[in-house]
């Protein structure tokens, strides 16, 4: 029983780490509502997530992120939103170089209202 529990726990950790590794160093573009529709690029690094405005080359928001299974949790580090330390939690999945993000819970209206309605497209 104990061996099975440790094996299951190990597989869950490996799967979670693999999911995060799948996103590290990738970029995704989409139309954010800030407040008018604006093309932005969401850039995943190892533990940091950047929301970039490619039109003027600025970083609009810097966030810490964590991925556990199919759940992305983000917390603002710096930027123009009023989110402060509020967590945003989103279900994520990919298919055909598209990133689908579905709101689970986000008490920061600035962030949740700005999220794209359509999937983000992978930037090569």
N, C-alpha and C. Protein backbone atom coordinates (compact mmCIF):
# COMPACT_ATOMS: atom_id res chain seq x y z
N UNK A 1 0.82 -1.20 0.00
CA UNK A 1 0.00 0.00 0.00
C UNK A 1 0.86 1.25 0.00
N UNK A 2 1.88 1.27 0.86
CA UNK A 2 2.75 2.44 0.96
C UNK A 2 3.52 2.65 -0.33
N UNK A 3 4.03 1.54 -0.94
CA UNK A 3 4.76 1.65 -2.20
C UNK A 3 3.85 2.23 -3.29
N UNK A 4 2.61 1.79 -3.33
CA UNK A 4 1.66 2.28 -4.33
C UNK A 4 1.39 3.76 -4.14
N UNK A 5 1.27 4.18 -2.90
CA UNK A 5 1.03 5.59 -2.61
C UNK A 5 2.20 6.43 -3.05
N UNK A 6 3.44 5.99 -2.76
CA UNK A 6 4.62 6.74 -3.17
C UNK A 6 4.76 6.77 -4.69
N UNK A 7 4.44 5.67 -5.34
CA UNK A 7 4.50 5.61 -6.79
C UNK A 7 3.50 6.59 -7.40
N UNK A 8 2.28 6.60 -6.88
CA UNK A 8 1.26 7.53 -7.37
C UNK A 8 1.68 8.97 -7.14
N UNK A 9 2.20 9.28 -5.98
CA UNK A 9 2.66 10.63 -5.67
C UNK A 9 3.80 11.03 -6.60
N UNK A 10 4.72 10.11 -6.84
CA UNK A 10 5.84 10.38 -7.75
C UNK A 10 5.36 10.67 -9.16
N UNK A 11 4.41 9.89 -9.64
CA UNK A 11 3.85 10.12 -10.98
C UNK A 11 3.15 11.48 -11.07
N UNK A 12 2.45 11.87 -10.02
CA UNK A 12 1.77 13.16 -10.01
C UNK A 12 2.79 14.29 -10.07
N UNK A 13 3.88 14.19 -9.34
CA UNK A 13 4.92 15.22 -9.36
C UNK A 13 5.58 15.28 -10.72
N UNK A 14 5.91 14.14 -11.31
CA UNK A 14 6.53 14.12 -12.63
C UNK A 14 5.60 14.70 -13.67
N UNK A 15 4.33 14.35 -13.64
CA UNK A 15 3.35 14.89 -14.59
C UNK A 15 3.23 16.39 -14.44
N UNK A 16 3.15 16.88 -13.22
CA UNK A 16 3.05 18.32 -12.98
C UNK A 16 4.28 19.04 -13.48
N UNK A 17 5.47 18.50 -13.20
CA UNK A 17 6.71 19.12 -13.66
C UNK A 17 6.78 19.09 -15.18
N UNK A 18 6.32 17.99 -15.79
CA UNK A 18 6.31 17.89 -17.24
C UNK A 18 5.40 18.91 -17.88
N UNK A 19 4.25 19.18 -17.27
CA UNK A 19 3.32 20.17 -17.80
C UNK A 19 3.95 21.56 -17.75
N UNK A 20 4.58 21.89 -16.62
CA UNK A 20 5.22 23.19 -16.49
C UNK A 20 6.34 23.32 -17.50
N UNK A 21 7.14 22.26 -17.65
CA UNK A 21 8.24 22.27 -18.61
C UNK A 21 7.71 22.45 -20.03
N UNK A 22 6.52 21.94 -20.30
CA UNK A 22 5.91 22.08 -21.63
C UNK A 22 5.68 23.55 -21.96
N UNK A 23 5.42 24.38 -20.96
CA UNK A 23 5.12 25.79 -21.19
C UNK A 23 6.34 26.70 -21.05
N UNK A 24 7.34 26.28 -20.29
CA UNK A 24 8.52 27.13 -20.07
C UNK A 24 9.14 27.51 -21.41
N UNK A 25 9.47 28.78 -21.54
CA UNK A 25 10.12 29.32 -22.74
C UNK A 25 9.24 29.23 -23.98
N UNK A 26 7.93 29.37 -23.80
CA UNK A 26 7.01 29.45 -24.93
C UNK A 26 6.29 30.79 -24.89
N UNK A 27 5.81 31.22 -26.04
CA UNK A 27 5.07 32.48 -26.15
C UNK A 27 3.78 32.23 -26.92
N UNK A 28 2.73 32.98 -26.53
CA UNK A 28 1.40 32.80 -27.10
C UNK A 28 0.78 34.17 -27.34
N UNK A 29 0.23 34.38 -28.53
CA UNK A 29 -0.38 35.69 -28.80
C UNK A 29 -1.89 35.58 -28.89
N UNK A 30 -2.53 36.69 -28.54
CA UNK A 30 -3.98 36.74 -28.59
C UNK A 30 -4.47 38.15 -28.36
N UNK A 31 -5.77 38.34 -28.53
CA UNK A 31 -6.38 39.65 -28.38
C UNK A 31 -6.89 39.83 -26.96
N UNK A 32 -6.21 40.66 -26.20
CA UNK A 32 -6.60 41.00 -24.83
C UNK A 32 -7.46 42.25 -24.86
N UNK A 33 -8.35 42.37 -23.90
CA UNK A 33 -9.24 43.54 -23.80
C UNK A 33 -8.67 44.46 -22.73
N UNK A 34 -7.85 45.43 -23.15
CA UNK A 34 -7.12 46.27 -22.19
C UNK A 34 -7.32 47.78 -22.38
N UNK A 35 -8.43 48.40 -22.38
CA UNK A 35 -9.76 47.82 -22.46
C UNK A 35 -10.18 47.51 -23.89
N UNK A 36 -9.56 48.17 -24.88
CA UNK A 36 -9.89 47.87 -26.27
C UNK A 36 -9.11 46.63 -26.71
N UNK A 37 -9.62 45.87 -27.66
CA UNK A 37 -8.90 44.68 -28.12
C UNK A 37 -7.50 45.05 -28.61
N UNK A 38 -6.50 44.42 -28.01
CA UNK A 38 -5.11 44.69 -28.33
C UNK A 38 -4.37 43.37 -28.39
N UNK A 39 -3.60 43.16 -29.46
CA UNK A 39 -2.82 41.94 -29.55
C UNK A 39 -1.68 42.00 -28.54
N UNK A 40 -1.58 40.97 -27.70
CA UNK A 40 -0.55 40.88 -26.68
C UNK A 40 0.10 39.51 -26.78
N UNK A 41 1.29 39.40 -26.21
CA UNK A 41 1.99 38.12 -26.18
C UNK A 41 2.20 37.72 -24.73
N UNK A 42 1.76 36.51 -24.41
CA UNK A 42 1.93 35.92 -23.09
C UNK A 42 3.16 35.02 -23.17
N UNK A 43 4.19 35.36 -22.39
CA UNK A 43 5.47 34.68 -22.49
C UNK A 43 5.79 33.96 -21.18
N UNK A 44 5.87 32.64 -21.26
CA UNK A 44 6.21 31.81 -20.10
C UNK A 44 7.72 31.65 -20.02
N UNK A 45 8.29 31.91 -18.87
CA UNK A 45 9.69 31.58 -18.58
C UNK A 45 9.64 30.44 -17.56
N UNK A 46 10.70 30.23 -16.78
CA UNK A 46 10.69 29.11 -15.83
C UNK A 46 9.63 29.26 -14.75
N UNK A 47 9.60 30.39 -14.07
CA UNK A 47 8.62 30.64 -13.00
C UNK A 47 7.89 31.96 -13.19
N UNK A 48 8.25 32.68 -14.23
CA UNK A 48 7.72 34.02 -14.46
C UNK A 48 6.96 34.06 -15.76
N UNK A 49 5.90 34.84 -15.75
CA UNK A 49 5.03 34.99 -16.90
C UNK A 49 4.98 36.48 -17.24
N UNK A 50 5.21 36.81 -18.51
CA UNK A 50 5.18 38.20 -18.94
C UNK A 50 4.05 38.41 -19.93
N UNK A 51 3.35 39.53 -19.80
CA UNK A 51 2.37 39.94 -20.79
C UNK A 51 2.99 41.13 -21.51
N UNK A 52 3.30 40.93 -22.79
CA UNK A 52 4.01 41.93 -23.58
C UNK A 52 3.10 42.57 -24.61
N UNK A 53 3.33 43.86 -24.85
CA UNK A 53 2.66 44.59 -25.92
C UNK A 53 3.65 44.69 -27.07
N UNK A 54 3.51 43.87 -28.12
CA UNK A 54 4.49 43.88 -29.20
C UNK A 54 4.48 45.17 -30.01
N UNK A 55 3.40 45.94 -29.96
CA UNK A 55 3.32 47.18 -30.73
C UNK A 55 4.36 48.20 -30.25
N UNK A 56 4.61 48.23 -28.94
CA UNK A 56 5.58 49.19 -28.44
C UNK A 56 6.71 48.53 -27.65
N UNK A 57 6.72 47.20 -27.59
CA UNK A 57 7.81 46.47 -26.95
C UNK A 57 7.84 46.55 -25.43
N UNK A 58 6.73 46.89 -24.79
CA UNK A 58 6.73 47.02 -23.34
C UNK A 58 6.15 45.77 -22.67
N UNK A 59 6.58 45.56 -21.45
CA UNK A 59 6.00 44.51 -20.62
C UNK A 59 4.88 45.16 -19.82
N UNK A 60 3.66 44.72 -20.06
CA UNK A 60 2.48 45.29 -19.42
C UNK A 60 2.31 44.72 -18.01
N UNK A 61 2.63 43.44 -17.85
CA UNK A 61 2.43 42.78 -16.56
C UNK A 61 3.49 41.68 -16.40
N UNK A 62 4.01 41.55 -15.18
CA UNK A 62 4.93 40.48 -14.82
C UNK A 62 4.27 39.70 -13.69
N UNK A 63 4.24 38.37 -13.83
CA UNK A 63 3.55 37.53 -12.85
C UNK A 63 4.38 36.30 -12.51
N UNK A 64 4.23 35.79 -11.31
CA UNK A 64 4.70 34.46 -10.96
C UNK A 64 3.62 33.49 -11.42
N UNK A 65 4.02 32.29 -11.83
CA UNK A 65 3.02 31.30 -12.18
C UNK A 65 3.42 29.93 -11.67
N UNK A 66 2.40 29.11 -11.50
CA UNK A 66 2.56 27.72 -11.09
C UNK A 66 1.56 26.90 -11.89
N UNK A 67 2.00 25.77 -12.37
CA UNK A 67 1.11 24.86 -13.09
C UNK A 67 1.05 23.56 -12.32
N UNK A 68 -0.17 23.13 -12.04
CA UNK A 68 -0.40 21.85 -11.38
C UNK A 68 -1.45 21.11 -12.19
N UNK A 69 -1.01 20.07 -12.88
CA UNK A 69 -1.94 19.36 -13.77
C UNK A 69 -2.38 20.28 -14.88
N UNK A 70 -3.69 20.52 -14.97
CA UNK A 70 -4.22 21.41 -16.00
C UNK A 70 -4.63 22.77 -15.42
N UNK A 71 -4.05 23.14 -14.26
CA UNK A 71 -4.43 24.37 -13.59
C UNK A 71 -3.25 25.33 -13.53
N UNK A 72 -3.46 26.52 -14.03
CA UNK A 72 -2.47 27.60 -14.01
C UNK A 72 -2.88 28.59 -12.94
N UNK A 73 -1.96 28.88 -12.01
CA UNK A 73 -2.20 29.88 -10.98
C UNK A 73 -1.20 31.01 -11.20
N UNK A 74 -1.70 32.24 -11.27
CA UNK A 74 -0.84 33.39 -11.51
C UNK A 74 -1.04 34.45 -10.43
N UNK A 75 0.05 35.15 -10.10
CA UNK A 75 0.03 36.23 -9.12
C UNK A 75 0.90 37.36 -9.67
N UNK A 76 0.37 38.56 -9.67
CA UNK A 76 1.08 39.73 -10.20
C UNK A 76 2.32 40.04 -9.37
N UNK A 77 3.41 40.37 -10.07
CA UNK A 77 4.61 40.89 -9.44
C UNK A 77 4.65 42.40 -9.65
N UNK A 78 4.43 42.81 -10.92
CA UNK A 78 4.42 44.23 -11.25
C UNK A 78 3.59 44.44 -12.51
N UNK A 79 3.19 45.67 -12.73
CA UNK A 79 2.43 45.98 -13.94
C UNK A 79 1.33 46.98 -13.70
N UNK A 80 0.51 47.16 -14.72
CA UNK A 80 -0.48 48.24 -14.73
C UNK A 80 -1.84 47.85 -14.13
N UNK A 81 -2.08 46.57 -13.88
CA UNK A 81 -3.37 46.18 -13.32
C UNK A 81 -3.41 46.46 -11.82
N UNK A 82 -4.60 46.39 -11.26
CA UNK A 82 -4.78 46.60 -9.82
C UNK A 82 -4.78 45.27 -9.05
N UNK A 83 -4.20 44.22 -9.63
CA UNK A 83 -4.35 42.88 -9.07
C UNK A 83 -3.60 42.64 -7.77
N UNK A 84 -2.51 43.31 -7.52
CA UNK A 84 -1.69 43.12 -6.32
C UNK A 84 -1.41 41.65 -6.07
N UNK A 85 -1.70 41.13 -4.88
CA UNK A 85 -1.37 39.74 -4.54
C UNK A 85 -2.50 38.75 -4.81
N UNK A 86 -3.52 39.17 -5.52
CA UNK A 86 -4.66 38.30 -5.77
C UNK A 86 -4.30 37.23 -6.80
N UNK A 87 -4.67 36.00 -6.51
CA UNK A 87 -4.39 34.87 -7.40
C UNK A 87 -5.45 34.79 -8.48
N UNK A 88 -4.99 34.44 -9.66
CA UNK A 88 -5.88 34.07 -10.74
C UNK A 88 -5.68 32.60 -11.03
N UNK A 89 -6.75 31.85 -11.15
CA UNK A 89 -6.66 30.41 -11.38
C UNK A 89 -7.42 30.09 -12.67
N UNK A 90 -6.73 29.44 -13.59
CA UNK A 90 -7.30 29.15 -14.90
C UNK A 90 -7.01 27.70 -15.28
N UNK A 91 -7.97 27.06 -15.93
CA UNK A 91 -7.76 25.74 -16.50
C UNK A 91 -7.10 25.96 -17.85
N UNK A 92 -6.05 25.21 -18.14
CA UNK A 92 -5.35 25.38 -19.41
C UNK A 92 -5.24 24.05 -20.15
N UNK A 93 -5.22 24.16 -21.46
CA UNK A 93 -4.97 23.01 -22.31
C UNK A 93 -4.44 23.52 -23.64
N UNK A 94 -3.79 22.64 -24.37
CA UNK A 94 -3.29 23.01 -25.69
C UNK A 94 -3.78 21.99 -26.72
N UNK A 95 -3.97 22.51 -27.91
CA UNK A 95 -4.32 21.66 -29.05
C UNK A 95 -3.99 22.42 -30.31
N UNK A 96 -3.27 21.77 -31.23
CA UNK A 96 -2.93 22.37 -32.52
C UNK A 96 -2.28 23.74 -32.36
N UNK A 97 -1.29 23.85 -31.48
CA UNK A 97 -0.56 25.10 -31.22
C UNK A 97 -1.47 26.24 -30.75
N UNK A 98 -2.53 25.87 -30.05
CA UNK A 98 -3.42 26.86 -29.44
C UNK A 98 -3.49 26.61 -27.95
N UNK A 99 -3.50 27.68 -27.17
CA UNK A 99 -3.59 27.60 -25.72
C UNK A 99 -4.98 28.06 -25.31
N UNK A 100 -5.70 27.16 -24.67
CA UNK A 100 -7.05 27.45 -24.19
C UNK A 100 -6.96 27.74 -22.69
N UNK A 101 -7.52 28.87 -22.28
CA UNK A 101 -7.52 29.26 -20.87
C UNK A 101 -8.96 29.51 -20.44
N UNK A 102 -9.40 28.77 -19.43
CA UNK A 102 -10.76 28.91 -18.92
C UNK A 102 -10.69 29.38 -17.47
N UNK A 103 -11.40 30.44 -17.17
CA UNK A 103 -11.42 31.00 -15.83
C UNK A 103 -11.98 29.99 -14.82
N UNK A 104 -11.24 29.75 -13.76
CA UNK A 104 -11.75 28.98 -12.62
C UNK A 104 -12.12 29.95 -11.52
N UNK A 105 -11.15 30.81 -11.15
CA UNK A 105 -11.41 31.82 -10.12
C UNK A 105 -10.36 32.92 -10.23
N UNK A 106 -10.80 34.15 -10.24
CA UNK A 106 -9.89 35.29 -10.27
C UNK A 106 -10.62 36.49 -9.68
N UNK A 107 -10.20 36.90 -8.50
CA UNK A 107 -10.84 38.04 -7.84
C UNK A 107 -10.36 39.38 -8.37
N UNK A 108 -9.40 39.36 -9.28
CA UNK A 108 -8.92 40.61 -9.88
C UNK A 108 -9.69 40.85 -11.18
N UNK A 109 -10.60 41.79 -11.14
CA UNK A 109 -11.43 42.07 -12.31
C UNK A 109 -10.59 42.58 -13.48
N UNK A 110 -9.58 43.41 -13.22
CA UNK A 110 -8.73 43.92 -14.30
C UNK A 110 -8.17 42.78 -15.14
N UNK A 111 -7.69 41.75 -14.49
CA UNK A 111 -7.07 40.63 -15.20
C UNK A 111 -8.12 39.75 -15.86
N UNK A 112 -9.13 39.34 -15.11
CA UNK A 112 -10.12 38.41 -15.66
C UNK A 112 -10.91 39.03 -16.82
N UNK A 113 -11.19 40.32 -16.73
CA UNK A 113 -11.93 41.00 -17.81
C UNK A 113 -11.09 41.19 -19.06
N UNK A 114 -9.77 41.23 -18.89
CA UNK A 114 -8.88 41.46 -20.02
C UNK A 114 -8.54 40.19 -20.79
N UNK A 115 -8.81 39.04 -20.20
CA UNK A 115 -8.42 37.78 -20.83
C UNK A 115 -9.12 37.58 -22.18
N UNK A 116 -8.39 37.01 -23.12
CA UNK A 116 -8.97 36.78 -24.45
C UNK A 116 -10.14 35.79 -24.41
N UNK A 117 -11.09 36.02 -25.29
CA UNK A 117 -12.20 35.08 -25.44
C UNK A 117 -11.78 33.87 -26.29
N UNK A 118 -10.91 34.11 -27.24
CA UNK A 118 -10.44 33.05 -28.14
C UNK A 118 -9.13 32.47 -27.63
N UNK A 119 -8.79 31.27 -28.08
CA UNK A 119 -7.52 30.67 -27.65
C UNK A 119 -6.33 31.51 -28.14
N UNK A 120 -5.22 31.42 -27.40
CA UNK A 120 -3.98 32.06 -27.81
C UNK A 120 -3.28 31.15 -28.81
N UNK A 121 -2.53 31.75 -29.70
CA UNK A 121 -1.82 31.00 -30.75
C UNK A 121 -0.33 31.01 -30.45
N UNK A 122 0.29 29.85 -30.54
CA UNK A 122 1.72 29.74 -30.24
C UNK A 122 2.54 30.58 -31.20
N UNK A 123 3.52 31.30 -30.64
CA UNK A 123 4.45 32.11 -31.43
C UNK A 123 5.71 31.28 -31.62
N UNK A 124 6.11 31.11 -32.85
CA UNK A 124 7.33 30.32 -33.13
C UNK A 124 8.56 31.17 -33.06
